[in-house]
């Protein structure tokens, strides 16, 4: 399957999600650990820390 460049760019912006399942040491519980990794350019965070972004910050919503 060949992805379009637009789809590839969209996938690069999405967070990496890992799920790990394991049993507790005493065997009584199932532990579900979810790790969400976001990769953003350093300039993005520097702009936030310096307060140089225009307007209020809003949550970016990505529709797939």
N, C-alpha and C. Protein backbone atom coordinates (compact mmCIF):
# COMPACT_ATOMS: atom_id res chain seq x y z
N UNK A 1 0.84 -1.18 0.00
CA UNK A 1 0.00 0.00 0.00
C UNK A 1 0.89 1.25 0.00
N UNK A 2 0.62 2.15 -0.89
CA UNK A 2 1.40 3.38 -1.01
C UNK A 2 0.61 4.53 -0.39
N UNK A 3 1.28 5.27 0.49
CA UNK A 3 0.65 6.41 1.15
C UNK A 3 0.96 7.68 0.37
N UNK A 4 0.00 8.58 0.36
CA UNK A 4 0.23 9.88 -0.25
C UNK A 4 1.12 10.70 0.67
N UNK A 5 1.73 11.74 0.14
CA UNK A 5 2.59 12.60 0.96
C UNK A 5 1.78 13.27 2.07
N UNK A 6 0.54 13.64 1.76
CA UNK A 6 -0.32 14.28 2.75
C UNK A 6 -0.58 13.32 3.91
N UNK A 7 -0.87 12.06 3.61
CA UNK A 7 -1.14 11.06 4.65
C UNK A 7 0.13 10.79 5.46
N UNK A 8 1.29 10.73 4.80
CA UNK A 8 2.55 10.53 5.52
C UNK A 8 2.81 11.66 6.50
N UNK A 9 2.58 12.90 6.09
CA UNK A 9 2.78 14.05 6.97
C UNK A 9 1.83 14.00 8.16
N UNK A 10 0.60 13.60 7.92
CA UNK A 10 -0.39 13.49 8.99
C UNK A 10 0.05 12.42 10.00
N UNK A 11 0.55 11.30 9.51
CA UNK A 11 1.01 10.23 10.40
C UNK A 11 2.22 10.66 11.22
N UNK A 12 3.10 11.47 10.65
CA UNK A 12 4.28 11.95 11.38
C UNK A 12 3.88 12.86 12.54
N UNK A 13 2.78 13.59 12.40
CA UNK A 13 2.34 14.52 13.46
C UNK A 13 1.64 13.79 14.60
N UNK A 14 1.18 12.58 14.35
CA UNK A 14 0.42 11.85 15.36
C UNK A 14 1.36 11.31 16.44
N UNK A 15 0.87 11.23 17.67
CA UNK A 15 1.71 10.68 18.74
C UNK A 15 1.91 9.18 18.57
N UNK A 16 3.01 8.69 19.10
CA UNK A 16 3.29 7.26 19.12
C UNK A 16 2.67 6.70 20.40
N UNK A 17 1.83 5.69 20.29
CA UNK A 17 1.13 5.13 21.45
C UNK A 17 1.57 3.68 21.63
N UNK A 18 2.09 3.38 22.84
CA UNK A 18 2.50 2.02 23.18
C UNK A 18 1.66 1.54 24.35
N UNK A 19 1.28 0.27 24.31
CA UNK A 19 0.52 -0.32 25.41
C UNK A 19 1.26 -1.56 25.88
N UNK A 20 1.42 -1.67 27.19
CA UNK A 20 2.07 -2.84 27.78
C UNK A 20 1.11 -3.47 28.78
N UNK A 21 0.94 -4.76 28.67
CA UNK A 21 0.11 -5.50 29.61
C UNK A 21 1.00 -6.46 30.38
N UNK A 22 0.79 -6.53 31.69
CA UNK A 22 1.53 -7.49 32.51
C UNK A 22 0.73 -7.82 33.75
N UNK A 23 1.09 -8.91 34.34
CA UNK A 23 0.43 -9.36 35.56
C UNK A 23 1.24 -8.84 36.75
N UNK A 24 0.55 -8.47 37.84
CA UNK A 24 1.25 -7.99 39.03
C UNK A 24 2.06 -9.14 39.64
N UNK A 25 3.01 -8.79 40.50
CA UNK A 25 3.88 -9.79 41.11
C UNK A 25 3.11 -10.84 41.89
N UNK A 26 2.03 -10.42 42.55
CA UNK A 26 1.24 -11.39 43.31
C UNK A 26 0.20 -12.12 42.45
N UNK A 27 0.10 -11.73 41.17
CA UNK A 27 -0.80 -12.41 40.25
C UNK A 27 -2.26 -12.05 40.38
N UNK A 28 -2.59 -11.05 41.18
CA UNK A 28 -3.99 -10.69 41.41
C UNK A 28 -4.51 -9.64 40.42
N UNK A 29 -3.61 -8.92 39.78
CA UNK A 29 -4.04 -7.79 38.96
C UNK A 29 -3.39 -7.83 37.58
N UNK A 30 -4.09 -7.27 36.62
CA UNK A 30 -3.55 -7.04 35.29
C UNK A 30 -3.19 -5.56 35.21
N UNK A 31 -1.97 -5.26 34.85
CA UNK A 31 -1.51 -3.88 34.78
C UNK A 31 -1.43 -3.48 33.31
N UNK A 32 -2.19 -2.46 32.95
CA UNK A 32 -2.21 -1.93 31.59
C UNK A 32 -1.52 -0.58 31.62
N UNK A 33 -0.34 -0.50 31.01
CA UNK A 33 0.44 0.74 30.99
C UNK A 33 0.41 1.30 29.57
N UNK A 34 0.00 2.55 29.43
CA UNK A 34 -0.04 3.21 28.12
C UNK A 34 0.95 4.37 28.12
N UNK A 35 1.81 4.39 27.10
CA UNK A 35 2.81 5.44 26.96
C UNK A 35 2.51 6.20 25.67
N UNK A 36 2.31 7.51 25.79
CA UNK A 36 2.05 8.36 24.63
C UNK A 36 3.26 9.26 24.43
N UNK A 37 3.88 9.17 23.27
CA UNK A 37 5.08 9.95 22.96
C UNK A 37 4.77 10.96 21.86
N UNK A 38 4.96 12.24 22.17
CA UNK A 38 4.80 13.31 21.18
C UNK A 38 6.19 13.82 20.81
N UNK A 39 6.42 13.99 19.54
CA UNK A 39 7.69 14.55 19.08
C UNK A 39 7.38 15.90 18.45
N UNK A 40 7.93 16.95 19.04
CA UNK A 40 7.70 18.31 18.54
C UNK A 40 9.06 18.99 18.38
N UNK A 41 9.14 19.94 17.46
CA UNK A 41 10.40 20.68 17.30
C UNK A 41 10.71 21.50 18.55
N UNK A 42 11.98 21.64 18.85
CA UNK A 42 12.41 22.40 20.02
C UNK A 42 11.96 23.86 19.92
N UNK A 43 11.93 24.42 18.73
CA UNK A 43 11.49 25.80 18.54
C UNK A 43 10.06 26.00 19.05
N UNK A 44 9.23 24.98 18.90
CA UNK A 44 7.84 25.05 19.37
C UNK A 44 7.80 25.30 20.88
N UNK A 45 8.58 24.51 21.64
CA UNK A 45 8.58 24.66 23.10
C UNK A 45 9.27 25.95 23.53
N UNK A 46 10.31 26.35 22.84
CA UNK A 46 10.97 27.61 23.18
C UNK A 46 10.03 28.79 22.98
N UNK A 47 9.21 28.74 21.93
CA UNK A 47 8.24 29.81 21.70
C UNK A 47 7.21 29.85 22.82
N UNK A 48 6.79 28.69 23.29
CA UNK A 48 5.81 28.64 24.39
C UNK A 48 6.43 29.21 25.66
N UNK A 49 7.65 28.78 25.98
CA UNK A 49 8.30 29.25 27.21
C UNK A 49 8.59 30.74 27.17
N UNK A 50 8.89 31.27 26.01
CA UNK A 50 9.17 32.70 25.86
C UNK A 50 7.90 33.52 25.69
N UNK A 51 6.77 32.87 25.54
CA UNK A 51 5.50 33.57 25.40
C UNK A 51 5.38 34.33 24.10
N UNK A 52 6.06 33.87 23.05
CA UNK A 52 6.03 34.61 21.79
C UNK A 52 5.00 34.08 20.80
N UNK A 53 4.14 33.17 21.22
CA UNK A 53 3.08 32.71 20.32
C UNK A 53 1.97 33.74 20.31
N UNK A 54 1.38 33.96 19.16
CA UNK A 54 0.29 34.93 19.03
C UNK A 54 -1.00 34.33 19.56
N UNK A 55 -1.74 35.10 20.32
CA UNK A 55 -3.06 34.67 20.80
C UNK A 55 -2.97 33.62 21.89
N UNK A 56 -4.12 33.11 22.24
CA UNK A 56 -4.20 32.08 23.26
C UNK A 56 -3.83 30.72 22.67
N UNK A 57 -3.27 29.87 23.51
CA UNK A 57 -2.95 28.51 23.06
C UNK A 57 -4.21 27.68 23.05
N UNK A 58 -4.39 26.90 22.01
CA UNK A 58 -5.53 26.01 21.91
C UNK A 58 -5.02 24.60 21.65
N UNK A 59 -5.80 23.63 22.04
CA UNK A 59 -5.44 22.25 21.79
C UNK A 59 -5.59 21.96 20.31
N UNK A 60 -4.56 21.39 19.72
CA UNK A 60 -4.60 21.06 18.29
C UNK A 60 -5.34 19.74 18.12
N UNK A 61 -6.35 19.76 17.29
CA UNK A 61 -7.14 18.55 17.06
C UNK A 61 -6.82 18.03 15.66
N UNK A 62 -6.39 16.78 15.60
CA UNK A 62 -6.05 16.17 14.33
C UNK A 62 -7.14 15.18 13.98
N UNK A 63 -7.77 15.38 12.83
CA UNK A 63 -8.83 14.49 12.39
C UNK A 63 -8.26 13.56 11.34
N UNK A 64 -8.42 12.26 11.58
CA UNK A 64 -7.88 11.26 10.66
C UNK A 64 -8.97 10.80 9.73
